C-alpha atoms as a PDB file:
ATOM      1  CA  UNK A   1    -204.842 -39.041  18.243  1.00  0.00           C
ATOM      2  CA  UNK A   2    -206.934 -38.437  21.356  1.00  0.00           C
ATOM      3  CA  UNK A   3    -206.187 -35.491  22.982  1.00  0.00           C
ATOM      4  CA  UNK A   4    -204.296 -36.193  25.890  1.00  0.00           C
ATOM      5  CA  UNK A   5    -202.188 -33.983  28.460  1.00  0.00           C
ATOM      6  CA  UNK A   6    -198.958 -35.291  29.568  1.00  0.00           C
ATOM      7  CA  UNK A   7    -198.513 -34.438  33.092  1.00  0.00           C
ATOM      8  CA  UNK A   8    -195.662 -35.247  35.662  1.00  0.00           C
ATOM      9  CA  UNK A   9    -197.099 -36.934  38.476  1.00  0.00           C
ATOM     10  CA  UNK A  10    -200.377 -38.749  38.577  1.00  0.00           C
ATOM     11  CA  UNK A  11    -204.089 -37.478  38.955  1.00  0.00           C
ATOM     12  CA  UNK A  12    -204.439 -35.126  41.506  1.00  0.00           C
ATOM     13  CA  UNK A  13    -201.622 -33.557  41.703  1.00  0.00           C
ATOM     14  CA  UNK A  14    -200.674 -29.903  40.869  1.00  0.00           C
ATOM     15  CA  UNK A  15    -199.949 -30.538  37.449  1.00  0.00           C
ATOM     16  CA  UNK A  16    -203.494 -32.125  37.209  1.00  0.00           C
ATOM     17  CA  UNK A  17    -205.025 -29.216  39.022  1.00  0.00           C
ATOM     18  CA  UNK A  18    -203.622 -27.254  36.234  1.00  0.00           C
ATOM     19  CA  UNK A  19    -205.113 -29.181  33.434  1.00  0.00           C
ATOM     20  CA  UNK A  20    -208.529 -28.902  34.947  1.00  0.00           C
ATOM     21  CA  UNK A  21    -208.302 -25.258  35.445  1.00  0.00           C
ATOM     22  CA  UNK A  22    -206.196 -24.212  31.643  1.00  0.00           C
ATOM     23  CA  UNK A  23    -208.217 -26.686  29.682  1.00  0.00           C
ATOM     24  CA  UNK A  24    -211.517 -26.411  31.959  1.00  0.00           C
ATOM     25  CA  UNK A  25    -212.508 -29.876  31.234  1.00  0.00           C
ATOM     26  CA  UNK A  26    -211.397 -33.297  32.377  1.00  0.00           C
ATOM     27  CA  UNK A  27    -208.851 -34.317  29.453  1.00  0.00           C
ATOM     28  CA  UNK A  28    -207.229 -38.025  29.428  1.00  0.00           C
ATOM     29  CA  UNK A  29    -204.225 -37.845  31.197  1.00  0.00           C
ATOM     30  CA  UNK A  30    -200.507 -39.647  30.543  1.00  0.00           C
ATOM     31  CA  UNK A  31    -199.486 -39.979  33.863  1.00  0.00           C
ATOM     32  CA  UNK A  32    -195.836 -39.697  33.847  1.00  0.00           C
ATOM     33  CA  UNK A  33    -193.108 -40.441  36.838  1.00  0.00           C
ATOM     34  CA  UNK A  34    -190.643 -37.862  35.829  1.00  0.00           C
ATOM     35  CA  UNK A  35    -189.960 -34.899  33.313  1.00  0.00           C
ATOM     36  CA  UNK A  36    -187.976 -36.604  31.103  1.00  0.00           C
ATOM     37  CA  UNK A  37    -190.977 -38.962  31.092  1.00  0.00           C
ATOM     38  CA  UNK A  38    -193.081 -36.260  30.130  1.00  0.00           C
ATOM     39  CA  UNK A  39    -190.961 -35.074  27.224  1.00  0.00           C
ATOM     40  CA  UNK A  40    -190.905 -38.651  25.887  1.00  0.00           C
ATOM     41  CA  UNK A  41    -194.734 -38.485  25.905  1.00  0.00           C
ATOM     42  CA  UNK A  42    -194.590 -35.954  23.998  1.00  0.00           C
ATOM     43  CA  UNK A  43    -191.903 -36.960  21.450  1.00  0.00           C
ATOM     44  CA  UNK A  44    -193.428 -40.545  21.126  1.00  0.00           C
ATOM     45  CA  UNK A  45    -196.854 -38.884  20.260  1.00  0.00           C
ATOM     46  CA  UNK A  46    -198.353 -40.591  23.548  1.00  0.00           C
ATOM     47  CA  UNK A  47    -199.918 -37.545  24.116  1.00  0.00           C
ATOM     48  CA  UNK A  48    -200.734 -33.981  22.188  1.00  0.00           C
ATOM     49  CA  UNK A  49    -199.683 -31.352  24.779  1.00  0.00           C
ATOM     50  CA  UNK A  50    -198.089 -31.081  28.412  1.00  0.00           C
ATOM     51  CA  UNK A  51    -198.002 -29.173  31.256  1.00  0.00           C
ATOM     52  CA  UNK A  52    -194.825 -28.702  32.714  1.00  0.00           C
ATOM     53  CA  UNK A  53    -193.964 -26.910  35.899  1.00  0.00           C
ATOM     54  CA  UNK A  54    -191.222 -24.253  35.032  1.00  0.00           C
ATOM     55  CA  UNK A  55    -191.205 -21.677  38.019  1.00  0.00           C
ATOM     56  CA  UNK A  56    -191.688 -21.262  41.845  1.00  0.00           C
ATOM     57  CA  UNK A  57    -192.360 -18.029  43.684  1.00  0.00           C
ATOM     58  CA  UNK A  58    -190.279 -19.448  46.472  1.00  0.00           C
ATOM     59  CA  UNK A  59    -187.878 -21.819  45.183  1.00  0.00           C
ATOM     60  CA  UNK A  60    -187.328 -20.116  41.601  1.00  0.00           C
ATOM     61  CA  UNK A  61    -186.512 -21.451  38.233  1.00  0.00           C
ATOM     62  CA  UNK A  62    -186.780 -25.400  37.708  1.00  0.00           C
ATOM     63  CA  UNK A  63    -183.616 -25.121  35.561  1.00  0.00           C
ATOM     64  CA  UNK A  64    -183.319 -28.552  34.173  1.00  0.00           C
ATOM     65  CA  UNK A  65    -186.823 -28.247  32.717  1.00  0.00           C
ATOM     66  CA  UNK A  66    -185.726 -25.166  30.477  1.00  0.00           C
ATOM     67  CA  UNK A  67    -182.968 -27.552  29.377  1.00  0.00           C
ATOM     68  CA  UNK A  68    -185.317 -30.290  28.067  1.00  0.00           C
ATOM     69  CA  UNK A  69    -187.174 -28.002  26.344  1.00  0.00           C
ATOM     70  CA  UNK A  70    -184.285 -26.413  24.389  1.00  0.00           C
ATOM     71  CA  UNK A  71    -182.948 -29.692  23.788  1.00  0.00           C
ATOM     72  CA  UNK A  72    -185.865 -31.203  22.552  1.00  0.00           C
ATOM     73  CA  UNK A  73    -187.102 -28.248  20.792  1.00  0.00           C
ATOM     74  CA  UNK A  74    -190.602 -28.108  22.126  1.00  0.00           C
ATOM     75  CA  UNK A  75    -192.748 -25.030  21.941  1.00  0.00           C
ATOM     76  CA  UNK A  76    -194.286 -23.342  24.610  1.00  0.00           C
ATOM     77  CA  UNK A  77    -197.672 -22.330  23.757  1.00  0.00           C
ATOM     78  CA  UNK A  78    -199.396 -21.075  26.977  1.00  0.00           C
ATOM     79  CA  UNK A  79    -198.763 -20.777  30.637  1.00  0.00           C
ATOM     80  CA  UNK A  80    -200.904 -20.960  33.890  1.00  0.00           C
ATOM     81  CA  UNK A  81    -200.050 -19.977  37.428  1.00  0.00           C
ATOM     82  CA  UNK A  82    -201.572 -21.685  40.306  1.00  0.00           C
ATOM     83  CA  UNK A  83    -201.120 -21.263  44.108  1.00  0.00           C
ATOM     84  CA  UNK A  84    -199.823 -24.169  46.072  1.00  0.00           C
ATOM     85  CA  UNK A  85    -202.063 -24.771  48.602  1.00  0.00           C
ATOM     86  CA  UNK A  86    -200.641 -27.831  50.688  1.00  0.00           C
ATOM     87  CA  UNK A  87    -203.144 -29.895  53.513  1.00  0.00           C
ATOM     88  CA  UNK A  88    -203.018 -32.543  55.152  1.00  0.00           C
ATOM     89  CA  UNK A  89    -205.096 -35.218  54.249  1.00  0.00           C
ATOM     90  CA  UNK A  90    -206.179 -38.780  56.247  1.00  0.00           C
ATOM     91  CA  UNK A  91    -208.756 -41.010  55.911  1.00  0.00           C
ATOM     92  CA  UNK A  92    -212.084 -40.034  57.263  1.00  0.00           C
ATOM     93  CA  UNK A  93    -212.933 -40.223  61.096  1.00  0.00           C
ATOM     94  CA  UNK A  94    -209.673 -39.287  62.507  1.00  0.00           C
ATOM     95  CA  UNK A  95    -207.892 -36.463  63.734  1.00  0.00           C
ATOM     96  CA  UNK A  96    -204.931 -34.731  64.157  1.00  0.00           C
ATOM     97  CA  UNK A  97    -204.257 -37.247  67.549  1.00  0.00           C
ATOM     98  CA  UNK A  98    -204.655 -40.547  65.389  1.00  0.00           C
ATOM     99  CA  UNK A  99    -202.194 -39.616  62.809  1.00  0.00           C
ATOM    100  CA  UNK A 100    -198.437 -41.188  63.517  1.00  0.00           C
ATOM    101  CA  UNK A 101    -197.097 -40.597  60.352  1.00  0.00           C
ATOM    102  CA  UNK A 102    -196.887 -38.182  57.735  1.00  0.00           C
ATOM    103  CA  UNK A 103    -196.002 -39.433  54.233  1.00  0.00           C
ATOM    104  CA  UNK A 104    -195.014 -36.639  51.223  1.00  0.00           C
ATOM    105  CA  UNK A 105    -192.428 -35.580  48.808  1.00  0.00           C
ATOM    106  CA  UNK A 106    -189.240 -34.062  50.547  1.00  0.00           C
ATOM    107  CA  UNK A 107    -190.186 -30.823  49.112  1.00  0.00           C
ATOM    108  CA  UNK A 108    -193.595 -30.684  50.231  1.00  0.00           C
ATOM    109  CA  UNK A 109    -192.672 -31.577  53.862  1.00  0.00           C
ATOM    110  CA  UNK A 110    -189.990 -28.849  53.638  1.00  0.00           C
ATOM    111  CA  UNK A 111    -192.745 -26.344  52.483  1.00  0.00           C
ATOM    112  CA  UNK A 112    -194.959 -27.609  55.649  1.00  0.00           C
ATOM    113  CA  UNK A 113    -192.082 -27.894  58.467  1.00  0.00           C
ATOM    114  CA  UNK A 114    -193.168 -25.001  60.795  1.00  0.00           C
ATOM    115  CA  UNK A 115    -196.690 -26.674  61.068  1.00  0.00           C
ATOM    116  CA  UNK A 116    -195.554 -30.382  61.311  1.00  0.00           C
ATOM    117  CA  UNK A 117    -192.727 -29.269  64.035  1.00  0.00           C
ATOM    118  CA  UNK A 118    -196.021 -28.417  66.364  1.00  0.00           C
ATOM    119  CA  UNK A 119    -196.589 -32.202  66.194  1.00  0.00           C
ATOM    120  CA  UNK A 120    -193.388 -33.605  67.646  1.00  0.00           C
ATOM    121  CA  UNK A 121    -195.741 -37.029  67.805  1.00  0.00           C
ATOM    122  CA  UNK A 122    -195.623 -37.471  63.867  1.00  0.00           C
ATOM    123  CA  UNK A 123    -192.685 -39.164  62.086  1.00  0.00           C
ATOM    124  CA  UNK A 124    -192.237 -37.639  58.959  1.00  0.00           C
ATOM    125  CA  UNK A 125    -191.836 -39.983  55.612  1.00  0.00           C
ATOM    126  CA  UNK A 126    -190.351 -38.773  52.818  1.00  0.00           C
ATOM    127  CA  UNK A 127    -191.827 -40.498  49.572  1.00  0.00           C
ATOM    128  CA  UNK A 128    -191.788 -39.788  45.590  1.00  0.00           C
ATOM    129  CA  UNK A 129    -194.947 -38.024  44.910  1.00  0.00           C
ATOM    130  CA  UNK A 130    -197.627 -36.283  46.984  1.00  0.00           C
ATOM    131  CA  UNK A 131    -200.695 -37.157  45.065  1.00  0.00           C
ATOM    132  CA  UNK A 132    -199.478 -41.089  44.875  1.00  0.00           C
ATOM    133  CA  UNK A 133    -199.469 -41.341  48.689  1.00  0.00           C
ATOM    134  CA  UNK A 134    -202.788 -39.843  49.052  1.00  0.00           C
ATOM    135  CA  UNK A 135    -204.083 -42.753  46.410  1.00  0.00           C
ATOM    136  CA  UNK A 136    -202.307 -45.248  48.304  1.00  0.00           C
ATOM    137  CA  UNK A 137    -203.650 -44.300  51.637  1.00  0.00           C
ATOM    138  CA  UNK A 138    -207.085 -44.101  49.988  1.00  0.00           C
ATOM    139  CA  UNK A 139    -206.705 -47.526  48.059  1.00  0.00           C
ATOM    140  CA  UNK A 140    -205.512 -49.503  51.029  1.00  0.00           C
ATOM    141  CA  UNK A 141    -207.591 -47.907  53.653  1.00  0.00           C
ATOM    142  CA  UNK A 142    -204.600 -47.059  55.939  1.00  0.00           C
ATOM    143  CA  UNK A 143    -205.179 -45.214  58.963  1.00  0.00           C
ATOM    144  CA  UNK A 144    -202.782 -43.079  61.436  1.00  0.00           C
ATOM    145  CA  UNK A 145    -200.794 -42.364  58.136  1.00  0.00           C
ATOM    146  CA  UNK A 146    -201.205 -38.714  56.470  1.00  0.00           C
ATOM    147  CA  UNK A 147    -200.051 -36.980  53.132  1.00  0.00           C
ATOM    148  CA  UNK A 148    -199.917 -33.656  52.186  1.00  0.00           C
ATOM    149  CA  UNK A 149    -201.508 -32.882  48.648  1.00  0.00           C
ATOM    150  CA  UNK A 150    -204.046 -30.585  47.459  1.00  0.00           C
ATOM    151  CA  UNK A 151    -207.734 -30.457  47.222  1.00  0.00           C
ATOM    152  CA  UNK A 152    -208.179 -31.891  44.055  1.00  0.00           C
ATOM    153  CA  UNK A 153    -206.341 -34.704  45.791  1.00  0.00           C
ATOM    154  CA  UNK A 154    -208.335 -35.190  48.913  1.00  0.00           C
ATOM    155  CA  UNK A 155    -211.706 -34.828  46.508  1.00  0.00           C
ATOM    156  CA  UNK A 156    -210.356 -37.736  44.095  1.00  0.00           C
ATOM    157  CA  UNK A 157    -209.155 -40.124  46.728  1.00  0.00           C
ATOM    158  CA  UNK A 158    -212.214 -38.898  48.999  1.00  0.00           C
ATOM    159  CA  UNK A 159    -209.522 -38.197  51.965  1.00  0.00           C
ATOM    160  CA  UNK A 160    -210.802 -35.461  54.917  1.00  0.00           C
ATOM    161  CA  UNK A 161    -208.700 -32.303  54.870  1.00  0.00           C
ATOM    162  CA  UNK A 162    -207.549 -32.697  58.652  1.00  0.00           C
ATOM    163  CA  UNK A 163    -205.416 -29.296  58.374  1.00  0.00           C
ATOM    164  CA  UNK A 164    -205.881 -26.600  55.436  1.00  0.00           C
ATOM    165  CA  UNK A 165    -203.029 -24.440  53.453  1.00  0.00           C
ATOM    166  CA  UNK A 166    -200.539 -25.782  56.289  1.00  0.00           C
ATOM    167  CA  UNK A 167    -197.607 -24.288  54.390  1.00  0.00           C
ATOM    168  CA  UNK A 168    -195.048 -22.006  55.904  1.00  0.00           C
ATOM    169  CA  UNK A 169    -195.528 -19.145  53.407  1.00  0.00           C
ATOM    170  CA  UNK A 170    -199.023 -18.339  52.520  1.00  0.00           C
ATOM    171  CA  UNK A 171    -198.406 -16.587  49.024  1.00  0.00           C
ATOM    172  CA  UNK A 172    -196.640 -19.471  47.147  1.00  0.00           C
ATOM    173  CA  UNK A 173    -197.508 -19.486  43.307  1.00  0.00           C
ATOM    174  CA  UNK A 174    -195.887 -21.948  40.670  1.00  0.00           C
ATOM    175  CA  UNK A 175    -195.693 -21.141  37.236  1.00  0.00           C
ATOM    176  CA  UNK A 176    -196.600 -24.107  34.497  1.00  0.00           C
ATOM    177  CA  UNK A 177    -196.164 -24.155  30.839  1.00  0.00           C
ATOM    178  CA  UNK A 178    -197.962 -25.973  28.488  1.00  0.00           C
ATOM    179  CA  UNK A 179    -195.808 -27.650  25.845  1.00  0.00           C
ATOM    180  CA  UNK A 180    -196.306 -29.215  22.008  1.00  0.00           C
ATOM    181  CA  UNK A 181    -194.142 -31.301  19.877  1.00  0.00           C
ATOM    182  CA  UNK A 182    -194.963 -28.903  16.790  1.00  0.00           C
ATOM    183  CA  UNK A 183    -195.565 -25.667  16.939  1.00  0.00           C
ATOM    184  CA  UNK A 184    -199.652 -24.266  17.422  1.00  0.00           C
ATOM    185  CA  UNK A 185    -200.817 -21.719  15.038  1.00  0.00           C
ATOM    186  CA  UNK A 186    -201.927 -18.864  17.681  1.00  0.00           C
ATOM    187  CA  UNK A 187    -203.880 -15.828  16.327  1.00  0.00           C
ATOM    188  CA  UNK A 188    -201.666 -12.794  15.992  1.00  0.00           C
ATOM    189  CA  UNK A 189    -203.708 -10.757  18.223  1.00  0.00           C
ATOM    190  CA  UNK A 190    -203.934 -13.059  20.717  1.00  0.00           C
ATOM    191  CA  UNK A 191    -199.793 -13.145  21.009  1.00  0.00           C
ATOM    192  CA  UNK A 192    -198.427 -10.822  24.236  1.00  0.00           C
ATOM    193  CA  UNK A 193    -195.804 -13.250  25.328  1.00  0.00           C
ATOM    194  CA  UNK A 194    -192.724 -14.853  24.148  1.00  0.00           C
ATOM    195  CA  UNK A 195    -190.126 -17.211  25.437  1.00  0.00           C
ATOM    196  CA  UNK A 196    -186.936 -16.907  23.979  1.00  0.00           C
ATOM    197  CA  UNK A 197    -182.951 -18.256  24.132  1.00  0.00           C
ATOM    198  CA  UNK A 198    -179.899 -16.754  22.991  1.00  0.00           C
ATOM    199  CA  UNK A 199    -176.199 -16.858  23.399  1.00  0.00           C
ATOM    200  CA  UNK A 200    -173.723 -13.711  23.360  1.00  0.00           C
ATOM    201  CA  UNK A 201    -170.152 -13.146  22.994  1.00  0.00           C
ATOM    202  CA  UNK A 202    -168.210 -12.764  25.987  1.00  0.00           C
ATOM    203  CA  UNK A 203    -167.843  -9.175  25.248  1.00  0.00           C
ATOM    204  CA  UNK A 204    -168.595  -5.970  27.319  1.00  0.00           C
ATOM    205  CA  UNK A 205    -172.203  -4.777  27.610  1.00  0.00           C
ATOM    206  CA  UNK A 206    -173.444  -7.419  25.191  1.00  0.00           C
ATOM    207  CA  UNK A 207    -176.216  -8.323  27.406  1.00  0.00           C
ATOM    208  CA  UNK A 208    -177.179  -4.701  28.593  1.00  0.00           C
ATOM    209  CA  UNK A 209    -177.047  -4.144  24.750  1.00  0.00           C
ATOM    210  CA  UNK A 210    -179.999  -6.512  24.233  1.00  0.00           C
ATOM    211  CA  UNK A 211    -181.696  -5.621  27.035  1.00  0.00           C
ATOM    212  CA  UNK A 212    -181.532  -2.030  25.861  1.00  0.00           C
ATOM    213  CA  UNK A 213    -183.053  -3.089  22.696  1.00  0.00           C
ATOM    214  CA  UNK A 214    -185.818  -4.885  24.325  1.00  0.00           C
ATOM    215  CA  UNK A 215    -186.701  -1.643  26.466  1.00  0.00           C
ATOM    216  CA  UNK A 216    -186.007   0.291  23.394  1.00  0.00           C
ATOM    217  CA  UNK A 217    -189.105  -1.372  21.469  1.00  0.00           C
ATOM    218  CA  UNK A 218    -191.436  -1.413  24.402  1.00  0.00           C
ATOM    219  CA  UNK A 219    -190.737  -5.024  25.866  1.00  0.00           C
ATOM    220  CA  UNK A 220    -191.564  -5.906  29.372  1.00  0.00           C
ATOM    221  CA  UNK A 221    -188.700  -8.219  30.486  1.00  0.00           C
ATOM    222  CA  UNK A 222    -190.254 -10.822  32.825  1.00  0.00           C
ATOM    223  CA  UNK A 223    -187.964 -13.299  33.443  1.00  0.00           C
ATOM    224  CA  UNK A 224    -184.111 -13.859  32.869  1.00  0.00           C
ATOM    225  CA  UNK A 225    -182.113 -17.102  33.490  1.00  0.00           C
ATOM    226  CA  UNK A 226    -178.730 -18.071  32.449  1.00  0.00           C
ATOM    227  CA  UNK A 227    -177.541 -21.337  31.883  1.00  0.00           C
ATOM    228  CA  UNK A 228    -173.855 -22.752  31.258  1.00  0.00           C
ATOM    229  CA  UNK A 229    -172.943 -23.895  27.830  1.00  0.00           C
ATOM    230  CA  UNK A 230    -171.433 -27.229  29.219  1.00  0.00           C
ATOM    231  CA  UNK A 231    -169.088 -27.607  25.836  1.00  0.00           C
ATOM    232  CA  UNK A 232    -167.599 -23.981  26.415  1.00  0.00           C
ATOM    233  CA  UNK A 233    -166.590 -23.474  29.839  1.00  0.00           C
ATOM    234  CA  UNK A 234    -167.925 -19.609  31.411  1.00  0.00           C
ATOM    235  CA  UNK A 235    -170.182 -18.967  28.725  1.00  0.00           C
ATOM    236  CA  UNK A 236    -173.696 -19.044  29.040  1.00  0.00           C
ATOM    237  CA  UNK A 237    -177.147 -19.227  27.113  1.00  0.00           C
ATOM    238  CA  UNK A 238    -179.934 -17.211  28.344  1.00  0.00           C
ATOM    239  CA  UNK A 239    -183.321 -17.705  28.620  1.00  0.00           C
ATOM    240  CA  UNK A 240    -185.733 -14.780  28.765  1.00  0.00           C
ATOM    241  CA  UNK A 241    -189.996 -14.203  28.738  1.00  0.00           C
ATOM    242  CA  UNK A 242    -190.917 -10.916  27.440  1.00  0.00           C
ATOM    243  CA  UNK A 243    -194.510  -9.494  27.115  1.00  0.00           C
ATOM    244  CA  UNK A 244    -195.721  -6.914  24.915  1.00  0.00           C
ATOM    245  CA  UNK A 245    -198.819  -4.599  23.850  1.00  0.00           C
ATOM    246  CA  UNK A 246    -198.496  -4.341  20.495  1.00  0.00           C
ATOM    247  CA  UNK A 247    -197.147  -7.197  18.131  1.00  0.00           C
ATOM    248  CA  UNK A 248    -195.147  -4.955  15.757  1.00  0.00           C
ATOM    249  CA  UNK A 249    -192.735  -3.812  18.518  1.00  0.00           C
ATOM    250  CA  UNK A 250    -192.014  -7.690  19.635  1.00  0.00           C
ATOM    251  CA  UNK A 251    -191.308  -8.329  15.663  1.00  0.00           C
ATOM    252  CA  UNK A 252    -188.497  -5.369  15.547  1.00  0.00           C
ATOM    253  CA  UNK A 253    -186.748  -6.133  18.344  1.00  0.00           C
ATOM    254  CA  UNK A 254    -186.983  -9.573  17.149  1.00  0.00           C
ATOM    255  CA  UNK A 255    -185.263  -9.066  13.867  1.00  0.00           C
ATOM    256  CA  UNK A 256    -182.277  -6.966  16.118  1.00  0.00           C
ATOM    257  CA  UNK A 257    -181.906  -9.447  18.395  1.00  0.00           C
ATOM    258  CA  UNK A 258    -181.538 -12.238  16.141  1.00  0.00           C
ATOM    259  CA  UNK A 259    -178.307 -10.013  14.353  1.00  0.00           C
ATOM    260  CA  UNK A 260    -176.898  -9.308  17.600  1.00  0.00           C
ATOM    261  CA  UNK A 261    -177.164 -12.686  19.123  1.00  0.00           C
ATOM    262  CA  UNK A 262    -175.836 -16.152  18.758  1.00  0.00           C
ATOM    263  CA  UNK A 263    -177.928 -19.210  18.155  1.00  0.00           C
ATOM    264  CA  UNK A 264    -181.014 -17.356  18.857  1.00  0.00           C
ATOM    265  CA  UNK A 265    -183.924 -19.166  19.170  1.00  0.00           C
ATOM    266  CA  UNK A 266    -188.033 -18.714  19.829  1.00  0.00           C
ATOM    267  CA  UNK A 267    -188.999 -21.158  22.409  1.00  0.00           C
ATOM    268  CA  UNK A 268    -192.520 -20.223  21.984  1.00  0.00           C
ATOM    269  CA  UNK A 269    -195.185 -17.019  21.264  1.00  0.00           C
ATOM    270  CA  UNK A 270    -198.144 -17.381  23.038  1.00  0.00           C
ATOM    271  CA  UNK A 271    -201.076 -15.325  25.426  1.00  0.00           C
ATOM    272  CA  UNK A 272    -199.340 -13.922  28.536  1.00  0.00           C
ATOM    273  CA  UNK A 273    -201.389 -15.280  31.595  1.00  0.00           C
ATOM    274  CA  UNK A 274    -200.107 -13.239  34.358  1.00  0.00           C
ATOM    275  CA  UNK A 275    -201.018 -14.062  37.932  1.00  0.00           C
END
């Protein structure tokens, strides 16, 4: 099968930017309208791997995506972080005074509100996808309307950046995970991070005991996310990311946690890619 990567959104999106930077080549892309479609692309083997946003330094975890990875037994085989730089894009030959409307995903509009409020003459219009808006402006040669998007989108759709880095919070990072339907063999020497899921009894100190095991085995807990178990009110599953320098330390912790926790599951073991 052709090496094709599934992304949420279209070419020019931040998901596409991750593909270009992580794989360091311009691979075939399966453009998916939603994260559910992205998972479907993997399960139906339309793609070999997928890139999925999992958390943002401002907005926090994308909890439904944790649930999708778990539900469909997808494997996390890598990760990548990118800074989210939002730019105001429009057809060449215009300036800010020519722009009547800005069309973009509501989250992108919200991220750039301080900048946009400086231009009260510009109407804000919510759209479903930032890169798709840029593509439409380019294809239909629409003047007077701007999009919000990445430098990749500007270059891909031949749009001018009227204003760079217009997001209110300048240091805005998003973490993406690389997913596969099947487990990918990674050399043990390259494995320095793991994503795990487990459930615990409703007993005092049960989570603290697990965390103590991780600490005693020299694991660094980089992420913990709880999620309600729908069938059991007020019982939670936990998704954790841990990093480690020595694989044997991780193996020891894993063997102990398997005994202590319920429904222990390895979502992925891969190379740590720090910011």
